[in-house]
Amino acid sequence: MRSQLKPITTLLGIGFALAIVPQAVAQSPIPGLPAIDLPKFTSSQTVSNAELDRGDVQLDGRKLFTIAAPAVSKSAQEKGTPPVESRIQGIEATINRIVQRGFDPNRLQVEAAIDQDSKLPVVSVNGQYLMTVTTLDAQLQGVDPDRYAKELVQVLRDGLMRARQERQTESLVQQGIFAAGLLVAMLISNWGLSRWQRLIKAQQERTQAEIPDDPIVSPNTAETANATTQQTIQQQLAKRQQRNLKDAQRRLIQLMQLAIWVLGSFTILGLFPDTRKLQPIVLSAPLKILGVIAATYLAIRLCDVLIDRFFGVLEDGEFISPEASQRLALRVSTFSRVVKSVFTIVLLGVGVLTVLSIAGIEVVPLLAGAGIIGLGISLASQNLIKDVINGFLILLEDQYAVGDVIQVGKVSGLVESMNLRITQLRNAEGRLITIPNSAITIVENLSKDWSRVDLAIAISYEANLDQAIALIERVGQQMSHDRPWQDKILEPPEVLGVDDLNSTGVTLRVWIKTEPLQQWNVGREFRRRLKLALDEQGIEIGVPQQAFSVRGTIDEKTFEDSTPRSDSHR
């Protein structure tokens, strides 16, 4: 039940217009429209495609053919309607009048004849002037005007016959039945998707009830971190995977519902000649922008699901050693969070560019301006860039991750949160310490791969040293074979020998290699067992010793006067 991520393509619209001297196109006056003085073009004259304005002549919302006119400057367009738009309005007005008045299909005559003045083909319908086929029209199609005029005759005949057929009562009834059936199918589909969405929401609520929705909270002391941190991180990772998957499914269903209504409405409007002109409204810019926003959000949620799934597979993979898998379990939350942030930024950027393109804003100049602004911001925020770069290197080199216990300078604690900019530690007093990643130069990781118990045991000078060393080794061997300590102690304790001789006694040093974050628990238990064993063998712990030396003699009377007396002698 894994949703597949669908790619979101960027639609970049780049408008172009070259300013030239405005000209009009040859056409005879049309009733209801102002007359236009048009220059004459011969077949030998050509105009570059970049200097042409083109437009489509439509009937009942369907494209019939394309015409052209010389391009005009933007300043000239502001003064009046461009020539190509004037031609389109005149041709469409004539065609619509012919259709609305009705005509006999057996007597329909669409003809093309050469005008003696302009030497260009003139197209007429039932003896009524329609348009003049100019050299630019033919040049746009790559043919001569006469041939293009013959093609337009057939196109107009087919379009007029189709328009008449669509307006017949029988055709309208059939289209109405089809539209009603499509509307019922849309309602049924929407009802089914709504029930599916409610079912997914109920499953999501049950999942959240089964797994407590508590944030990752560090223990009060770093010594007890491993007891809860790794298990909490794994539980929250599984919970996030399920929650993101359910949320992505719900958003996908909502997007499907929107697509059903948009496509259904577009299809129904296209069934009737009088409503077909409203089809562009369904796919207007606001609806496109809404669709892009919904698709971007869905893509972000799907990326979250896929990223969590990817790291989950890595964590559970059989090709990874148990030690690496345990380490990866601590790093997975950090990596997934950072990777999802990067993907979110990229997808949001693509979505913003797409929305700007739909809104008619040229993206290329905007990107150039954004690059200049970004350069200025980068110069003013060098510390932020240093934070991001150092944070990336920390993750890449695996210096530490969420769940590790580290020491940075004079502060130490459990890594509770981390991103490319900052690292947050929870110390033994429960304080949250925030450190910019650029300030982390030397870091001590107390829990990566393995840890060590470093014990210094002071034995009195009167004790048997060899017996004490043998006793310490025996206690360590017994503890390393007892459950549950045998799983926490990686190697048998190593007694290094006499480490120091001082006023307290003989200092013996012991090393015990343990699992990450287990050195404190193992050290406490080892000290307890060693104290009991030393007491049983009568070996005393070293205590500080001091010697006092008094020079000269003390008068007996002075000594008696300075000695305190009890009340019975007073």
Protein backbone atom coordinates (compact mmCIF):
# COMPACT_ATOMS: atom_id res chain seq x y z
CA MET A 1 0.00 0.00 0.00
CA ARG A 2 2.80 2.35 -0.81
CA SER A 3 1.93 5.36 -2.89
CA GLN A 4 4.23 6.13 -5.75
CA LEU A 5 5.65 9.53 -6.09
CA LYS A 6 4.55 11.22 -9.28
CA PRO A 7 6.96 13.72 -10.79
CA ILE A 8 5.93 17.35 -10.90
CA THR A 9 7.12 19.11 -14.05
CA THR A 10 7.80 22.87 -14.16
CA LEU A 11 5.86 24.87 -16.77
CA LEU A 12 8.02 27.86 -17.70
CA GLY A 13 6.25 30.33 -19.98
CA ILE A 14 8.59 32.76 -21.77
CA GLY A 15 6.81 35.50 -23.70
CA PHE A 16 8.52 37.21 -26.56
CA ALA A 17 7.55 40.20 -28.74
CA LEU A 18 9.66 42.35 -31.04
CA ALA A 19 8.55 45.90 -31.65
CA ILE A 20 8.12 46.83 -35.31
CA VAL A 21 5.99 49.35 -37.15
CA PRO A 22 2.34 48.23 -36.73
CA GLN A 23 0.60 47.14 -39.92
CA ALA A 24 -2.83 45.74 -40.71
CA VAL A 25 -3.84 42.76 -42.80
CA ALA A 26 -5.82 42.91 -46.01
CA GLN A 27 -9.49 42.28 -45.42
CA SER A 28 -12.70 43.78 -46.74
CA PRO A 29 -15.00 45.69 -44.41
CA ILE A 30 -17.23 43.53 -42.20
CA PRO A 31 -20.68 44.66 -41.07
CA GLY A 32 -20.62 45.82 -37.47
CA LEU A 33 -16.84 46.31 -37.38
CA PRO A 34 -14.73 49.35 -38.39
CA ALA A 35 -13.03 49.26 -41.73
CA ILE A 36 -9.32 48.51 -41.73
CA ASP A 37 -6.84 49.78 -44.32
CA LEU A 38 -4.74 46.80 -45.25
CA PRO A 39 -1.52 46.63 -47.24
CA LYS A 40 -1.18 44.15 -50.05
CA PHE A 41 1.31 41.31 -49.96
CA THR A 42 2.59 39.38 -52.91
CA SER A 43 3.58 35.76 -52.82
CA SER A 44 7.23 36.72 -53.02
CA GLN A 45 7.11 38.69 -49.75
CA THR A 46 7.96 36.83 -46.53
CA VAL A 47 7.95 37.84 -42.89
CA SER A 48 9.94 36.21 -40.09
CA ASN A 49 7.92 34.11 -37.65
CA ALA A 50 9.23 36.30 -34.83
CA GLU A 51 7.49 39.26 -36.49
CA LEU A 52 4.08 37.54 -36.66
CA ASP A 53 1.12 37.60 -34.35
CA ARG A 54 -1.07 34.55 -34.74
CA GLY A 55 -4.43 33.49 -33.42
CA ASP A 56 -7.02 30.73 -33.74
CA VAL A 57 -10.48 31.15 -35.24
CA GLN A 58 -12.97 29.07 -33.21
CA LEU A 59 -16.53 27.92 -33.62
CA ASP A 60 -18.40 26.72 -30.51
CA GLY A 61 -15.14 26.57 -28.61
CA ARG A 62 -13.41 24.37 -31.20
CA LYS A 63 -10.43 25.53 -33.24
CA LEU A 64 -11.06 25.81 -36.99
CA PHE A 65 -7.86 27.32 -38.37
CA THR A 66 -5.04 29.77 -37.61
CA ILE A 67 -4.49 33.21 -39.10
CA ALA A 68 -1.59 35.66 -38.85
CA ALA A 69 -0.81 39.36 -38.87
CA PRO A 70 2.32 41.46 -38.47
CA ALA A 71 3.38 41.82 -34.86
CA VAL A 72 2.91 45.19 -33.20
CA SER A 73 4.71 46.80 -30.30
CA LYS A 74 3.26 46.76 -26.81
CA SER A 75 2.72 50.50 -26.92
CA ALA A 76 0.68 50.12 -30.10
CA GLN A 77 -1.36 47.30 -28.54
CA GLU A 78 -2.32 49.57 -25.65
CA LYS A 79 -3.83 52.08 -28.08
CA GLY A 80 -6.24 49.61 -29.68
CA THR A 81 -7.06 46.02 -30.58
CA PRO A 82 -4.18 44.23 -32.38
CA PRO A 83 -4.85 43.48 -36.08
CA VAL A 84 -4.90 39.72 -35.60
CA GLU A 85 -7.53 40.04 -32.85
CA SER A 86 -9.64 42.30 -35.08
CA ARG A 87 -9.57 39.72 -37.87
CA ILE A 88 -10.51 36.89 -35.50
CA GLN A 89 -13.44 38.84 -34.05
CA GLY A 90 -14.78 39.68 -37.51
CA ILE A 91 -14.49 36.12 -38.87
CA GLU A 92 -16.04 34.52 -35.75
CA ALA A 93 -18.91 37.04 -35.75
CA THR A 94 -19.79 36.16 -39.35
CA ILE A 95 -19.60 32.40 -38.75
CA ASN A 96 -21.77 32.62 -35.61
CA ARG A 97 -24.43 34.64 -37.47
CA ILE A 98 -24.58 32.01 -40.20
CA VAL A 99 -24.97 29.22 -37.63
CA GLN A 100 -27.56 31.03 -35.52
CA ARG A 101 -29.73 31.92 -38.51
CA GLY A 102 -29.65 28.33 -39.69
CA PHE A 103 -28.95 27.03 -43.18
CA ASP A 104 -29.90 24.19 -45.45
CA PRO A 105 -27.05 21.67 -45.48
CA ASN A 106 -27.91 20.72 -49.07
CA ARG A 107 -27.50 24.35 -50.21
CA LEU A 108 -24.43 25.20 -48.16
CA GLN A 109 -21.83 26.85 -50.40
CA VAL A 110 -18.35 27.63 -49.15
CA GLU A 111 -16.26 29.07 -51.95
CA ALA A 112 -12.86 30.69 -52.53
CA ALA A 113 -12.29 33.16 -55.36
CA ILE A 114 -9.41 35.46 -56.36
CA ASP A 115 -10.00 39.13 -55.60
CA GLN A 116 -9.09 41.24 -58.64
CA ASP A 117 -7.71 44.12 -56.58
CA SER A 118 -5.54 42.30 -54.04
CA LYS A 119 -4.92 39.19 -56.16
CA LEU A 120 -5.56 37.16 -53.01
CA PRO A 121 -8.16 34.42 -52.40
CA VAL A 122 -11.42 35.55 -50.77
CA VAL A 123 -13.54 32.98 -48.87
CA SER A 124 -17.34 33.37 -48.76
CA VAL A 125 -20.21 31.34 -47.26
CA ASN A 126 -23.50 31.25 -49.16
CA GLY A 127 -22.38 34.34 -51.04
CA GLN A 128 -21.55 36.24 -47.82
CA TYR A 129 -17.99 37.51 -47.47
CA LEU A 130 -16.02 35.80 -44.69
CA MET A 131 -12.29 36.54 -45.00
CA THR A 132 -9.35 37.21 -47.27
CA VAL A 133 -6.54 34.64 -47.19
CA THR A 134 -3.36 36.72 -46.90
CA THR A 135 0.18 35.80 -47.78
CA LEU A 136 1.02 35.75 -44.07
CA ASP A 137 -1.75 33.20 -43.41
CA ALA A 138 -0.35 30.93 -46.09
CA GLN A 139 3.25 31.55 -45.02
CA LEU A 140 2.35 30.43 -41.51
CA GLN A 141 1.22 27.07 -42.93
CA GLY A 142 4.10 26.79 -45.38
CA VAL A 143 1.88 26.79 -48.51
CA ASP A 144 0.73 29.31 -51.10
CA PRO A 145 -2.50 31.34 -50.56
CA ASP A 146 -4.53 29.50 -53.20
CA ARG A 147 -3.84 26.10 -51.72
CA TYR A 148 -4.49 27.31 -48.19
CA ALA A 149 -7.80 28.83 -49.31
CA LYS A 150 -8.92 25.45 -50.68
CA GLU A 151 -8.04 23.82 -47.35
CA LEU A 152 -10.03 26.46 -45.47
CA VAL A 153 -13.08 25.80 -47.64
CA GLN A 154 -13.19 22.17 -46.51
CA VAL A 155 -12.45 23.06 -42.88
CA LEU A 156 -15.26 25.61 -42.80
CA ARG A 157 -17.73 23.25 -44.44
CA ASP A 158 -17.00 20.50 -41.89
CA GLY A 159 -17.17 22.94 -38.98
CA LEU A 160 -20.50 24.42 -40.06
CA MET A 161 -22.05 21.00 -40.60
CA ARG A 162 -20.84 19.81 -37.19
CA ALA A 163 -22.21 22.95 -35.50
CA ARG A 164 -25.62 22.44 -37.15
CA GLN A 165 -25.67 18.77 -36.14
CA GLU A 166 -24.87 19.58 -32.49
CA ARG A 167 -27.83 21.95 -32.32
CA GLN A 168 -30.37 19.34 -33.38
CA THR A 169 -32.83 18.19 -30.70
CA GLU A 170 -31.86 14.52 -30.96
CA SER A 171 -28.16 15.32 -30.48
CA LEU A 172 -28.89 17.59 -27.51
CA VAL A 173 -30.97 14.86 -25.83
CA GLN A 174 -28.21 12.27 -26.28
CA GLN A 175 -25.59 14.62 -24.91
CA GLY A 176 -27.86 15.46 -21.97
CA ILE A 177 -28.26 11.77 -21.09
CA PHE A 178 -24.51 11.27 -21.30
CA ALA A 179 -23.92 14.34 -19.10
CA ALA A 180 -26.41 13.05 -16.50
CA GLY A 181 -24.71 9.65 -16.43
CA LEU A 182 -21.31 11.26 -16.07
CA LEU A 183 -22.58 13.42 -13.21
CA VAL A 184 -23.96 10.35 -11.39
CA ALA A 185 -20.63 8.57 -11.87
CA MET A 186 -18.83 11.60 -10.42
CA LEU A 187 -21.09 11.62 -7.35
CA ILE A 188 -20.65 7.87 -6.78
CA SER A 189 -16.86 8.13 -7.16
CA ASN A 190 -16.72 11.07 -4.77
CA TRP A 191 -18.84 9.19 -2.21
CA GLY A 192 -16.57 6.13 -2.43
CA LEU A 193 -13.43 8.21 -2.05
CA SER A 194 -14.95 10.04 0.93
CA ARG A 195 -15.65 6.72 2.68
CA TRP A 196 -12.12 5.54 1.94
CA GLN A 197 -10.77 8.77 3.39
CA ARG A 198 -12.79 8.33 6.60
CA LEU A 199 -11.52 4.76 6.90
CA ILE A 200 -7.90 5.89 6.58
CA LYS A 201 -8.49 8.62 9.15
CA ALA A 202 -9.91 6.06 11.60
CA GLN A 203 -6.87 3.80 11.06
CA GLN A 204 -4.58 6.74 11.64
CA GLU A 205 -6.31 7.55 14.94
CA ARG A 206 -6.00 3.92 16.08
CA THR A 207 -2.31 3.90 15.20
CA GLN A 208 -1.69 7.06 17.21
CA ALA A 209 -3.57 5.55 20.15
CA GLU A 210 -1.38 2.42 20.07
CA ILE A 211 1.90 4.35 19.96
CA PRO A 212 2.15 7.23 22.46
CA ASP A 213 2.68 10.50 20.70
CA ASP A 214 5.35 11.79 23.06
CA PRO A 215 8.33 13.78 21.83
CA ILE A 216 11.83 12.45 22.28
CA VAL A 217 12.60 13.58 25.83
CA SER A 218 16.03 12.98 27.29
CA PRO A 219 16.35 11.45 30.76
CA ASN A 220 17.33 13.67 33.66
CA THR A 221 20.85 12.27 33.56
CA ALA A 222 22.96 11.29 30.57
CA GLU A 223 23.91 8.03 32.34
CA THR A 224 20.42 6.59 31.87
CA ALA A 225 20.12 7.77 28.24
CA ASN A 226 20.35 4.35 26.57
CA ALA A 227 17.50 2.92 28.61
CA THR A 228 14.92 4.90 26.69
CA THR A 229 16.49 6.88 23.85
CA GLN A 230 17.04 4.20 21.21
CA GLN A 231 13.67 2.55 21.83
CA THR A 232 11.90 5.92 21.77
CA ILE A 233 13.61 6.92 18.52
CA GLN A 234 12.64 3.65 16.85
CA GLN A 235 9.04 3.92 18.05
CA GLN A 236 8.76 7.49 16.84
CA LEU A 237 10.28 6.59 13.48
CA ALA A 238 7.70 3.82 12.99
CA LYS A 239 4.94 6.15 14.16
CA ARG A 240 6.03 8.89 11.75
CA GLN A 241 6.19 6.43 8.86
CA GLN A 242 2.63 5.27 9.48
CA ARG A 243 1.31 8.77 10.09
CA ASN A 244 2.98 10.19 6.98
CA LEU A 245 1.74 7.28 4.88
CA LYS A 246 -1.85 7.71 6.04
CA ASP A 247 -1.67 11.46 5.59
CA ALA A 248 -0.25 11.07 2.08
CA GLN A 249 -3.06 8.65 1.22
CA ARG A 250 -5.66 11.12 2.47
CA ARG A 251 -4.15 13.99 0.47
CA LEU A 252 -3.99 11.78 -2.60
CA ILE A 253 -7.68 10.98 -2.23
CA GLN A 254 -8.49 14.68 -1.89
CA LEU A 255 -6.47 15.41 -5.03
CA MET A 256 -8.34 12.62 -6.84
CA GLN A 257 -11.66 14.14 -5.77
CA LEU A 258 -10.58 17.53 -7.10
CA ALA A 259 -9.44 15.94 -10.37
CA ILE A 260 -12.76 14.11 -10.75
CA TRP A 261 -14.80 17.30 -10.39
CA VAL A 262 -12.50 19.38 -12.60
CA LEU A 263 -12.26 16.81 -15.42
CA GLY A 264 -15.94 15.90 -15.12
CA SER A 265 -17.03 19.53 -15.30
CA PHE A 266 -14.69 20.13 -18.23
CA THR A 267 -16.16 17.14 -20.09
CA ILE A 268 -19.79 18.09 -19.39
CA LEU A 269 -19.23 21.67 -20.56
CA GLY A 270 -17.67 20.35 -23.75
CA LEU A 271 -20.75 18.29 -24.65
CA PHE A 272 -22.89 21.31 -25.63
CA PRO A 273 -22.02 24.03 -28.16
CA ASP A 274 -23.33 26.85 -25.98
CA THR A 275 -21.32 25.79 -22.89
CA ARG A 276 -18.13 24.73 -24.63
CA LYS A 277 -16.84 28.29 -24.46
CA LEU A 278 -16.86 28.00 -20.66
CA GLN A 279 -14.31 25.16 -20.66
CA PRO A 280 -11.30 27.47 -20.32
CA ILE A 281 -12.82 28.80 -17.08
CA VAL A 282 -12.54 25.32 -15.51
CA LEU A 283 -8.84 25.25 -16.34
CA SER A 284 -8.30 28.89 -15.45
CA ALA A 285 -5.20 30.14 -13.67
CA PRO A 286 -6.68 30.11 -10.10
CA LEU A 287 -7.67 26.45 -10.43
CA LYS A 288 -4.31 25.57 -11.93
CA ILE A 289 -2.56 27.31 -9.05
CA LEU A 290 -4.75 25.43 -6.57
CA GLY A 291 -3.87 22.18 -8.29
CA VAL A 292 -0.15 22.98 -8.18
CA ILE A 293 -0.38 23.77 -4.45
CA ALA A 294 -2.20 20.50 -3.75
CA ALA A 295 0.23 18.52 -5.90
CA THR A 296 3.24 20.13 -4.19
CA TYR A 297 1.90 19.33 -0.74
CA LEU A 298 1.17 15.75 -1.79
CA ALA A 299 4.67 15.39 -3.25
CA ILE A 300 6.20 16.60 0.04
CA ARG A 301 4.19 14.07 2.05
CA LEU A 302 5.06 11.26 -0.35
CA CYS A 303 8.74 12.20 -0.08
CA ASP A 304 8.48 11.98 3.71
CA VAL A 305 6.99 8.48 3.40
CA LEU A 306 9.62 7.28 0.91
CA ILE A 307 12.51 8.73 2.91
CA ASP A 308 11.29 7.12 6.15
CA ARG A 309 10.77 3.85 4.28
CA PHE A 310 14.27 4.03 2.79
CA PHE A 311 15.95 4.55 6.15
CA GLY A 312 13.75 1.86 7.68
CA VAL A 313 14.97 -0.63 5.06
CA LEU A 314 18.57 0.35 5.75
CA GLU A 315 18.05 -0.13 9.47
CA ASP A 316 16.44 -3.57 9.07
CA GLY A 317 18.67 -4.70 6.20
CA GLU A 318 20.36 -8.07 6.58
CA PHE A 319 23.45 -6.84 4.73
CA ILE A 320 24.29 -4.48 7.63
CA SER A 321 26.15 -5.79 10.68
CA PRO A 322 24.40 -5.63 14.08
CA GLU A 323 26.84 -2.98 15.29
CA ALA A 324 26.26 -0.82 12.23
CA SER A 325 22.52 -1.38 12.47
CA GLN A 326 22.50 -0.26 16.09
CA ARG A 327 24.49 2.83 15.20
CA LEU A 328 22.21 3.53 12.23
CA ALA A 329 19.19 3.34 14.51
CA LEU A 330 20.53 6.36 16.36
CA ARG A 331 21.38 8.25 13.17
CA VAL A 332 18.21 7.48 11.22
CA SER A 333 16.12 10.17 12.87
CA THR A 334 18.75 12.82 12.21
CA PHE A 335 19.37 11.86 8.59
CA SER A 336 15.70 11.47 7.70
CA ARG A 337 14.85 14.84 9.20
CA VAL A 338 17.62 16.65 7.30
CA VAL A 339 16.94 14.88 3.99
CA LYS A 340 13.22 15.62 4.24
CA SER A 341 13.99 19.28 4.90
CA VAL A 342 16.14 19.45 1.76
CA PHE A 343 13.45 17.78 -0.39
CA THR A 344 10.80 20.07 1.06
CA ILE A 345 12.80 23.16 0.12
CA VAL A 346 13.38 21.85 -3.43
CA LEU A 347 9.73 20.93 -4.00
CA LEU A 348 8.54 24.25 -2.59
CA GLY A 349 10.89 26.05 -4.95
CA VAL A 350 9.57 24.09 -7.93
CA GLY A 351 5.99 24.79 -6.84
CA VAL A 352 6.62 28.53 -6.47
CA LEU A 353 8.21 28.71 -9.94
CA THR A 354 5.29 26.82 -11.44
CA VAL A 355 2.75 29.13 -9.81
CA LEU A 356 4.64 32.20 -11.04
CA SER A 357 4.72 30.77 -14.55
CA ILE A 358 0.97 30.11 -14.49
CA ALA A 359 0.37 33.64 -13.26
CA GLY A 360 2.18 34.97 -16.34
CA ILE A 361 5.32 36.14 -14.58
CA GLU A 362 8.55 35.59 -16.49
CA VAL A 363 10.66 33.27 -14.38
CA VAL A 364 14.08 33.68 -16.03
CA PRO A 365 14.53 37.37 -15.11
CA LEU A 366 13.13 36.60 -11.68
CA LEU A 367 15.71 33.85 -11.15
CA ALA A 368 18.48 36.18 -12.26
CA GLY A 369 17.33 38.81 -9.77
CA ALA A 370 16.99 36.19 -7.05
CA GLY A 371 20.56 35.07 -7.74
CA ILE A 372 21.87 38.59 -7.23
CA ILE A 373 19.82 39.01 -4.07
CA GLY A 374 20.98 35.62 -2.82
CA LEU A 375 24.60 36.62 -3.39
CA GLY A 376 24.07 39.73 -1.30
CA ILE A 377 22.36 37.77 1.45
CA SER A 378 25.11 35.15 1.46
CA LEU A 379 27.74 37.84 2.00
CA ALA A 380 25.75 39.21 4.94
CA SER A 381 25.11 35.80 6.51
CA GLN A 382 28.47 34.09 6.46
CA ASN A 383 27.93 32.59 9.92
CA LEU A 384 24.75 30.90 8.70
CA ILE A 385 26.62 29.42 5.75
CA LYS A 386 29.34 28.19 8.10
CA ASP A 387 26.67 26.57 10.28
CA VAL A 388 25.17 24.73 7.31
CA ILE A 389 28.51 23.58 5.93
CA ASN A 390 29.75 22.36 9.31
CA GLY A 391 26.41 20.65 9.98
CA PHE A 392 26.67 18.83 6.67
CA LEU A 393 30.21 17.68 7.48
CA ILE A 394 29.12 16.51 10.93
CA LEU A 395 26.44 14.33 9.36
CA LEU A 396 28.70 13.13 6.56
CA GLU A 397 31.52 12.15 8.89
CA ASP A 398 29.13 10.75 11.53
CA GLN A 399 30.73 12.76 14.33
CA TYR A 400 27.52 12.37 16.36
CA ALA A 401 23.77 11.94 15.87
CA VAL A 402 20.50 12.25 17.76
CA GLY A 403 20.71 10.01 20.84
CA ASP A 404 24.49 10.34 21.37
CA VAL A 405 26.02 11.81 24.50
CA ILE A 406 28.67 14.37 23.59
CA GLN A 407 30.79 17.04 25.18
CA VAL A 408 31.50 20.29 23.35
CA GLY A 409 33.88 22.54 25.20
CA LYS A 410 32.53 22.98 28.73
CA VAL A 411 29.01 21.70 28.01
CA SER A 412 27.85 18.12 27.65
CA GLY A 413 24.60 16.22 27.35
CA LEU A 414 22.36 14.07 25.21
CA VAL A 415 21.86 15.19 21.60
CA GLU A 416 18.11 15.78 21.53
CA SER A 417 17.74 17.59 18.20
CA MET A 418 20.01 18.37 15.28
CA ASN A 419 19.79 19.96 11.84
CA LEU A 420 22.17 21.62 9.43
CA ARG A 421 22.25 24.83 11.48
CA ILE A 422 22.17 23.98 15.19
CA THR A 423 22.65 21.14 17.67
CA GLN A 424 20.57 20.97 20.86
CA LEU A 425 21.81 19.15 23.99
CA ARG A 426 19.91 18.20 27.15
CA ASN A 427 22.31 18.24 30.11
CA ALA A 428 22.06 16.37 33.42
CA GLU A 429 20.03 19.20 34.98
CA GLY A 430 17.44 19.06 32.20
CA ARG A 431 18.59 22.29 30.56
CA LEU A 432 18.33 22.55 26.76
CA ILE A 433 21.59 23.87 25.33
CA THR A 434 21.60 25.18 21.74
CA ILE A 435 24.95 25.31 19.94
CA PRO A 436 25.50 26.69 16.40
CA ASN A 437 27.24 24.07 14.29
CA SER A 438 29.93 26.56 13.29
CA ALA A 439 30.98 26.82 16.97
CA ILE A 440 31.59 23.05 17.21
CA THR A 441 35.30 22.57 16.56
CA ILE A 442 36.27 19.83 19.02
CA VAL A 443 33.57 17.36 20.09
CA GLU A 444 33.86 14.35 22.39
CA ASN A 445 31.42 11.57 21.57
CA LEU A 446 30.87 9.40 24.65
CA SER A 447 28.57 6.90 22.96
CA LYS A 448 29.75 6.17 19.43
CA ASP A 449 30.41 2.52 18.55
CA TRP A 450 31.43 1.56 22.13
CA SER A 451 32.13 3.08 25.54
CA ARG A 452 34.52 2.37 28.38
CA VAL A 453 34.41 2.30 32.18
CA ASP A 454 37.62 3.80 33.60
CA LEU A 455 37.94 2.92 37.31
CA ALA A 456 40.70 3.97 39.68
CA ILE A 457 40.57 1.83 42.86
CA ALA A 458 42.65 2.87 45.88
CA ILE A 459 43.84 -0.06 48.07
CA SER A 460 45.50 0.48 51.46
CA TYR A 461 49.24 -0.13 51.77
CA GLU A 462 48.63 -2.90 54.32
CA ALA A 463 46.56 -4.98 51.83
CA ASN A 464 47.97 -7.87 49.80
CA LEU A 465 48.39 -6.29 46.38
CA ASP A 466 48.43 -9.52 44.35
CA GLN A 467 45.36 -10.80 46.17
CA ALA A 468 43.53 -7.54 45.45
CA ILE A 469 44.39 -7.69 41.70
CA ALA A 470 43.23 -11.31 41.48
CA LEU A 471 40.01 -10.42 43.29
CA ILE A 472 39.28 -7.55 40.90
CA GLU A 473 39.86 -9.83 37.88
CA ARG A 474 37.57 -12.51 39.35
CA VAL A 475 34.76 -10.01 40.00
CA GLY A 476 35.08 -8.70 36.44
CA GLN A 477 34.99 -12.19 34.91
CA GLN A 478 31.93 -13.18 36.90
CA MET A 479 30.08 -10.01 35.98
CA SER A 480 30.91 -10.36 32.27
CA HIS A 481 29.23 -13.80 32.28
CA ASP A 482 26.11 -12.85 34.24
CA ARG A 483 22.89 -11.72 32.62
CA PRO A 484 22.03 -9.06 31.64
CA TRP A 485 25.56 -7.67 31.95
CA GLN A 486 27.14 -10.07 29.47
CA ASP A 487 25.24 -8.32 26.64
CA LYS A 488 26.41 -4.91 27.82
CA ILE A 489 30.08 -5.80 28.37
CA LEU A 490 31.86 -6.24 25.04
CA GLU A 491 35.19 -7.52 26.42
CA PRO A 492 36.24 -8.98 29.80
CA PRO A 493 37.43 -6.28 32.23
CA GLU A 494 41.13 -5.52 31.94
CA VAL A 495 43.12 -4.79 35.12
CA LEU A 496 45.97 -2.56 34.00
CA GLY A 497 47.85 -2.86 37.33
CA VAL A 498 49.28 -0.30 39.71
CA ASP A 499 48.61 3.14 38.36
CA ASP A 500 49.74 5.36 41.22
CA LEU A 501 51.18 5.45 44.72
CA ASN A 502 49.99 8.33 46.86
CA SER A 503 48.95 9.30 50.37
CA THR A 504 45.63 7.45 49.98
CA GLY A 505 47.14 4.10 49.05
CA VAL A 506 47.91 2.01 46.00
CA THR A 507 45.79 2.98 42.98
CA LEU A 508 44.76 0.15 40.66
CA ARG A 509 43.21 0.98 37.27
CA VAL A 510 40.55 -1.10 35.53
CA TRP A 511 39.10 -0.76 32.00
CA ILE A 512 35.75 -2.28 30.96
CA LYS A 513 34.63 -1.99 27.31
CA THR A 514 30.83 -1.68 27.08
CA GLU A 515 28.01 -1.01 24.67
CA PRO A 516 27.38 2.68 23.87
CA LEU A 517 25.81 4.58 26.78
CA GLN A 518 26.17 1.56 29.11
CA GLN A 519 29.42 2.60 30.81
CA TRP A 520 27.63 4.29 33.71
CA ASN A 521 25.32 1.37 34.50
CA VAL A 522 28.15 -1.18 34.21
CA GLY A 523 30.43 0.98 36.35
CA ARG A 524 27.86 1.25 39.15
CA GLU A 525 27.26 -2.50 39.26
CA PHE A 526 30.98 -3.29 39.13
CA ARG A 527 31.71 -0.95 42.05
CA ARG A 528 28.93 -2.55 44.10
CA ARG A 529 30.21 -6.08 43.51
CA LEU A 530 33.82 -5.11 44.10
CA LYS A 531 32.99 -3.44 47.44
CA LEU A 532 31.21 -6.58 48.66
CA ALA A 533 34.10 -8.79 47.52
CA LEU A 534 36.73 -6.61 49.18
CA ASP A 535 34.83 -6.63 52.46
CA GLU A 536 34.51 -10.43 52.29
CA GLN A 537 38.28 -10.84 51.78
CA GLY A 538 39.15 -8.23 54.40
CA ILE A 539 40.91 -5.95 51.96
CA GLU A 540 40.64 -2.34 53.04
CA ILE A 541 40.10 0.62 50.79
CA GLY A 542 42.85 3.22 50.97
CA VAL A 543 42.19 6.28 53.12
CA PRO A 544 44.16 9.51 53.23
CA GLN A 545 47.01 9.39 55.75
CA GLN A 546 48.75 12.31 57.44
CA ALA A 547 51.66 12.48 59.90
CA PHE A 548 52.17 15.27 62.48
CA SER A 549 55.53 16.16 63.98
CA VAL A 550 55.90 18.39 67.11
CA ARG A 551 59.32 19.78 67.94
CA GLY A 552 60.49 20.85 71.47
CA THR A 553 59.17 19.95 75.00
CA ILE A 554 55.82 20.62 76.61
CA ASP A 555 55.64 21.69 80.26
CA GLU A 556 53.56 19.24 82.30
CA LYS A 557 51.65 21.98 84.11
CA THR A 558 50.87 23.79 80.88
CA PHE A 559 49.68 20.49 79.39
CA GLU A 560 47.42 19.84 82.38
CA ASP A 561 45.99 23.39 82.21
CA SER A 562 45.23 23.04 78.51
CA THR A 563 43.59 19.62 78.94
CA PRO A 564 39.77 19.84 79.32
CA ARG A 565 38.38 18.47 82.60
CA SER A 566 35.08 16.76 83.22
CA ASP A 567 32.42 18.32 85.47
CA SER A 568 33.16 15.80 88.25
CA HIS A 569 36.66 17.24 88.70
CA ARG A 570 35.55 20.87 88.80
